[in-house]
Amino acid sequence: MGKNMACISIGHFNLEELGMKDFTGVVQELVSEVVNEPKVTYIQTEDGFNYV
């Protein structure tokens, strides 16, 4: 598609979800200093653990 893209995939527990959402704003600010109008998106994932 000719677009420059990157993915930062950080494993986390559901308890850290609010921090991860806030982290997207930090990354947005850091990247915007280098690239014009970056799009940083938080994508919620399901619980990666199964409890018995």
PDB file of N, CA and C in Angstrom:
ATOM      1  N   MET A   1       0.813  -1.182   0.000  1.00  0.00           N
ATOM      2  CA  MET A   1       0.000   0.000   0.000  1.00  0.00           C
ATOM      3  C   MET A   1       0.864   1.255   0.000  1.00  0.00           C
ATOM      4  N   GLY A   2       2.166   1.124   0.167  1.00  0.00           N
ATOM      5  CA  GLY A   2       3.048   2.269   0.122  1.00  0.00           C
ATOM      6  C   GLY A   2       3.044   3.137   1.368  1.00  0.00           C
ATOM      7  N   LYS A   3       2.519   2.639   2.475  1.00  0.00           N
ATOM      8  CA  LYS A   3       2.470   3.424   3.704  1.00  0.00           C
ATOM      9  C   LYS A   3       3.544   2.941   4.673  1.00  0.00           C
ATOM     10  N   ASN A   4       4.173   3.891   5.354  1.00  0.00           N
ATOM     11  CA  ASN A   4       5.128   3.532   6.392  1.00  0.00           C
ATOM     12  C   ASN A   4       4.357   3.260   7.666  1.00  0.00           C
ATOM     13  N   MET A   5       4.552   2.086   8.249  1.00  0.00           N
ATOM     14  CA  MET A   5       3.815   1.716   9.449  1.00  0.00           C
ATOM     15  C   MET A   5       4.741   1.016  10.430  1.00  0.00           C
ATOM     16  N   ALA A   6       4.347   1.042  11.693  1.00  0.00           N
ATOM     17  CA  ALA A   6       5.070   0.319  12.737  1.00  0.00           C
ATOM     18  C   ALA A   6       4.062  -0.191  13.745  1.00  0.00           C
ATOM     19  N   CYS A   7       4.435  -1.244  14.457  1.00  0.00           N
ATOM     20  CA  CYS A   7       3.571  -1.800  15.483  1.00  0.00           C
ATOM     21  C   CYS A   7       4.404  -2.018  16.741  1.00  0.00           C
ATOM     22  N   ILE A   8       3.955  -1.448  17.848  1.00  0.00           N
ATOM     23  CA  ILE A   8       4.593  -1.707  19.135  1.00  0.00           C
ATOM     24  C   ILE A   8       3.650  -2.623  19.892  1.00  0.00           C
ATOM     25  N   SER A   9       4.061  -3.846  20.068  1.00  0.00           N
ATOM     26  CA  SER A   9       3.218  -4.837  20.740  1.00  0.00           C
ATOM     27  C   SER A   9       3.837  -5.156  22.088  1.00  0.00           C
ATOM     28  N   ILE A  10       3.189  -4.691  23.134  1.00  0.00           N
ATOM     29  CA  ILE A  10       3.699  -4.897  24.484  1.00  0.00           C
ATOM     30  C   ILE A  10       2.709  -5.763  25.240  1.00  0.00           C
ATOM     31  N   GLY A  11       3.162  -6.916  25.688  1.00  0.00           N
ATOM     32  CA  GLY A  11       2.293  -7.789  26.455  1.00  0.00           C
ATOM     33  C   GLY A  11       1.948  -7.147  27.783  1.00  0.00           C
ATOM     34  N   HIS A  12       0.717  -7.279  28.206  1.00  0.00           N
ATOM     35  CA  HIS A  12       0.303  -6.662  29.459  1.00  0.00           C
ATOM     36  C   HIS A  12      -0.899  -7.385  30.040  1.00  0.00           C
ATOM     37  N   PHE A  13      -1.077  -7.191  31.329  1.00  0.00           N
ATOM     38  CA  PHE A  13      -2.259  -7.701  32.010  1.00  0.00           C
ATOM     39  C   PHE A  13      -3.389  -6.701  31.835  1.00  0.00           C
ATOM     40  N   ASN A  14      -4.605  -7.135  31.992  1.00  0.00           N
ATOM     41  CA  ASN A  14      -5.753  -6.240  31.849  1.00  0.00           C
ATOM     42  C   ASN A  14      -5.722  -5.094  32.852  1.00  0.00           C
ATOM     43  N   LEU A  15      -5.071  -5.297  33.990  1.00  0.00           N
ATOM     44  CA  LEU A  15      -4.980  -4.238  34.990  1.00  0.00           C
ATOM     45  C   LEU A  15      -4.180  -3.037  34.479  1.00  0.00           C
ATOM     46  N   GLU A  16      -3.329  -3.243  33.495  1.00  0.00           N
ATOM     47  CA  GLU A  16      -2.490  -2.179  32.971  1.00  0.00           C
ATOM     48  C   GLU A  16      -3.124  -1.465  31.778  1.00  0.00           C
ATOM     49  N   GLU A  17      -4.363  -1.787  31.475  1.00  0.00           N
ATOM     50  CA  GLU A  17      -5.023  -1.266  30.279  1.00  0.00           C
ATOM     51  C   GLU A  17      -5.088   0.257  30.257  1.00  0.00           C
ATOM     52  N   LEU A  18      -5.428   0.889  31.376  1.00  0.00           N
ATOM     53  CA  LEU A  18      -5.530   2.348  31.404  1.00  0.00           C
ATOM     54  C   LEU A  18      -4.174   2.997  31.127  1.00  0.00           C
ATOM     55  N   GLY A  19      -3.122   2.422  31.660  1.00  0.00           N
ATOM     56  CA  GLY A  19      -1.787   2.949  31.398  1.00  0.00           C
ATOM     57  C   GLY A  19      -1.397   2.809  29.937  1.00  0.00           C
ATOM     58  N   MET A  20      -1.796   1.715  29.329  1.00  0.00           N
ATOM     59  CA  MET A  20      -1.472   1.500  27.917  1.00  0.00           C
ATOM     60  C   MET A  20      -2.223   2.501  27.042  1.00  0.00           C
ATOM     61  N   LYS A  21      -3.470   2.802  27.394  1.00  0.00           N
ATOM     62  CA  LYS A  21      -4.227   3.808  26.648  1.00  0.00           C
ATOM     63  C   LYS A  21      -3.542   5.165  26.755  1.00  0.00           C
ATOM     64  N   ASP A  22      -3.083   5.508  27.948  1.00  0.00           N
ATOM     65  CA  ASP A  22      -2.397   6.781  28.158  1.00  0.00           C
ATOM     66  C   ASP A  22      -1.062   6.814  27.422  1.00  0.00           C
ATOM     67  N   PHE A  23      -0.393   5.679  27.327  1.00  0.00           N
ATOM     68  CA  PHE A  23       0.898   5.583  26.661  1.00  0.00           C
ATOM     69  C   PHE A  23       0.809   5.954  25.179  1.00  0.00           C
ATOM     70  N   THR A  24      -0.340   5.708  24.551  1.00  0.00           N
ATOM     71  CA  THR A  24      -0.484   6.072  23.137  1.00  0.00           C
ATOM     72  C   THR A  24      -0.308   7.576  22.946  1.00  0.00           C
ATOM     73  N   GLY A  25      -0.758   8.382  23.898  1.00  0.00           N
ATOM     74  CA  GLY A  25      -0.579   9.832  23.814  1.00  0.00           C
ATOM     75  C   GLY A  25       0.886  10.217  23.900  1.00  0.00           C
ATOM     76  N   VAL A  26       1.640   9.528  24.758  1.00  0.00           N
ATOM     77  CA  VAL A  26       3.075   9.796  24.892  1.00  0.00           C
ATOM     78  C   VAL A  26       3.790   9.454  23.596  1.00  0.00           C
ATOM     79  N   VAL A  27       3.477   8.290  23.033  1.00  0.00           N
ATOM     80  CA  VAL A  27       4.107   7.876  21.775  1.00  0.00           C
ATOM     81  C   VAL A  27       3.732   8.843  20.655  1.00  0.00           C
ATOM     82  N   GLN A  28       2.480   9.284  20.629  1.00  0.00           N
ATOM     83  CA  GLN A  28       2.018  10.236  19.611  1.00  0.00           C
ATOM     84  C   GLN A  28       2.868  11.506  19.649  1.00  0.00           C
ATOM     85  N   GLU A  29       3.119  12.038  20.850  1.00  0.00           N
ATOM     86  CA  GLU A  29       3.918  13.254  20.983  1.00  0.00           C
ATOM     87  C   GLU A  29       5.361  13.031  20.545  1.00  0.00           C
ATOM     88  N   LEU A  30       5.950  11.894  20.931  1.00  0.00           N
ATOM     89  CA  LEU A  30       7.336  11.619  20.565  1.00  0.00           C
ATOM     90  C   LEU A  30       7.508  11.458  19.054  1.00  0.00           C
ATOM     91  N   VAL A  31       6.584  10.745  18.438  1.00  0.00           N
ATOM     92  CA  VAL A  31       6.687  10.484  17.003  1.00  0.00           C
ATOM     93  C   VAL A  31       6.381  11.741  16.200  1.00  0.00           C
ATOM     94  N   SER A  32       5.481  12.587  16.701  1.00  0.00           N
ATOM     95  CA  SER A  32       5.100  13.781  15.950  1.00  0.00           C
ATOM     96  C   SER A  32       6.258  14.757  15.807  1.00  0.00           C
ATOM     97  N   GLU A  33       7.288  14.634  16.661  1.00  0.00           N
ATOM     98  CA  GLU A  33       8.471  15.471  16.517  1.00  0.00           C
ATOM     99  C   GLU A  33       9.291  15.057  15.311  1.00  0.00           C
ATOM    100  N   VAL A  34       9.138  13.812  14.860  1.00  0.00           N
ATOM    101  CA  VAL A  34       9.925  13.286  13.749  1.00  0.00           C
ATOM    102  C   VAL A  34       9.105  13.228  12.461  1.00  0.00           C
ATOM    103  N   VAL A  35       7.853  12.823  12.569  1.00  0.00           N
ATOM    104  CA  VAL A  35       6.991  12.611  11.402  1.00  0.00           C
ATOM    105  C   VAL A  35       5.759  13.505  11.536  1.00  0.00           C
ATOM    106  N   ASN A  36       5.318  14.068  10.451  1.00  0.00           N
ATOM    107  CA  ASN A  36       4.114  14.907  10.480  1.00  0.00           C
ATOM    108  C   ASN A  36       2.858  14.063  10.611  1.00  0.00           C
ATOM    109  N   GLU A  37       1.983  14.449  11.521  1.00  0.00           N
ATOM    110  CA  GLU A  37       0.667  13.852  11.716  1.00  0.00           C
ATOM    111  C   GLU A  37       0.674  12.323  11.809  1.00  0.00           C
ATOM    112  N   PRO A  38       1.359  11.761  12.809  1.00  0.00           N
ATOM    113  CA  PRO A  38       1.290  10.298  12.953  1.00  0.00           C
ATOM    114  C   PRO A  38      -0.045   9.879  13.537  1.00  0.00           C
ATOM    115  N   LYS A  39      -0.416   8.649  13.303  1.00  0.00           N
ATOM    116  CA  LYS A  39      -1.634   8.105  13.888  1.00  0.00           C
ATOM    117  C   LYS A  39      -1.234   6.972  14.823  1.00  0.00           C
ATOM    118  N   VAL A  40      -1.391   7.205  16.112  1.00  0.00           N
ATOM    119  CA  VAL A  40      -1.081   6.197  17.120  1.00  0.00           C
ATOM    120  C   VAL A  40      -2.405   5.717  17.693  1.00  0.00           C
ATOM    121  N   THR A  41      -2.621   4.417  17.665  1.00  0.00           N
ATOM    122  CA  THR A  41      -3.911   3.850  18.058  1.00  0.00           C
ATOM    123  C   THR A  41      -3.719   2.773  19.116  1.00  0.00           C
ATOM    124  N   TYR A  42      -4.556   2.804  20.136  1.00  0.00           N
ATOM    125  CA  TYR A  42      -4.589   1.736  21.135  1.00  0.00           C
ATOM    126  C   TYR A  42      -5.625   0.712  20.687  1.00  0.00           C
ATOM    127  N   ILE A  43      -5.236  -0.545  20.655  1.00  0.00           N
ATOM    128  CA  ILE A  43      -6.158  -1.614  20.278  1.00  0.00           C
ATOM    129  C   ILE A  43      -6.310  -2.538  21.484  1.00  0.00           C
ATOM    130  N   GLN A  44      -7.513  -2.588  22.020  1.00  0.00           N
ATOM    131  CA  GLN A  44      -7.782  -3.421  23.191  1.00  0.00           C
ATOM    132  C   GLN A  44      -7.734  -4.889  22.805  1.00  0.00           C
ATOM    133  N   THR A  45      -7.093  -5.689  23.651  1.00  0.00           N
ATOM    134  CA  THR A  45      -7.030  -7.127  23.414  1.00  0.00           C
ATOM    135  C   THR A  45      -7.817  -7.853  24.490  1.00  0.00           C
ATOM    136  N   GLU A  46      -8.158  -9.078  24.202  1.00  0.00           N
ATOM    137  CA  GLU A  46      -8.862  -9.891  25.192  1.00  0.00           C
ATOM    138  C   GLU A  46      -7.866 -10.437  26.203  1.00  0.00           C
ATOM    139  N   ASP A  47      -8.372 -10.989  27.272  1.00  0.00           N
ATOM    140  CA  ASP A  47      -7.520 -11.589  28.295  1.00  0.00           C
ATOM    141  C   ASP A  47      -6.750 -12.746  27.681  1.00  0.00           C
ATOM    142  N   GLY A  48      -5.438 -12.716  27.828  1.00  0.00           N
ATOM    143  CA  GLY A  48      -4.587 -13.753  27.233  1.00  0.00           C
ATOM    144  C   GLY A  48      -4.416 -14.989  28.104  1.00  0.00           C
ATOM    145  N   PHE A  49      -5.055 -14.981  29.272  1.00  0.00           N
ATOM    146  CA  PHE A  49      -4.907 -16.095  30.191  1.00  0.00           C
ATOM    147  C   PHE A  49      -6.241 -16.799  30.389  1.00  0.00           C
ATOM    148  N   ASN A  50      -6.175 -18.106  30.549  1.00  0.00           N
ATOM    149  CA  ASN A  50      -7.345 -18.906  30.881  1.00  0.00           C
ATOM    150  C   ASN A  50      -7.186 -19.405  32.313  1.00  0.00           C
ATOM    151  N   TYR A  51      -8.191 -19.192  33.135  1.00  0.00           N
ATOM    152  CA  TYR A  51      -8.133 -19.623  34.523  1.00  0.00           C
ATOM    153  C   TYR A  51      -9.051 -20.815  34.720  1.00  0.00           C
ATOM    154  N   VAL A  52      -8.551 -21.795  35.445  1.00  0.00           N
ATOM    155  CA  VAL A  52      -9.316 -23.016  35.688  1.00  0.00           C
ATOM    156  C   VAL A  52      -9.739 -23.067  37.143  1.00  0.00           C
TER     157      VAL A  52
END
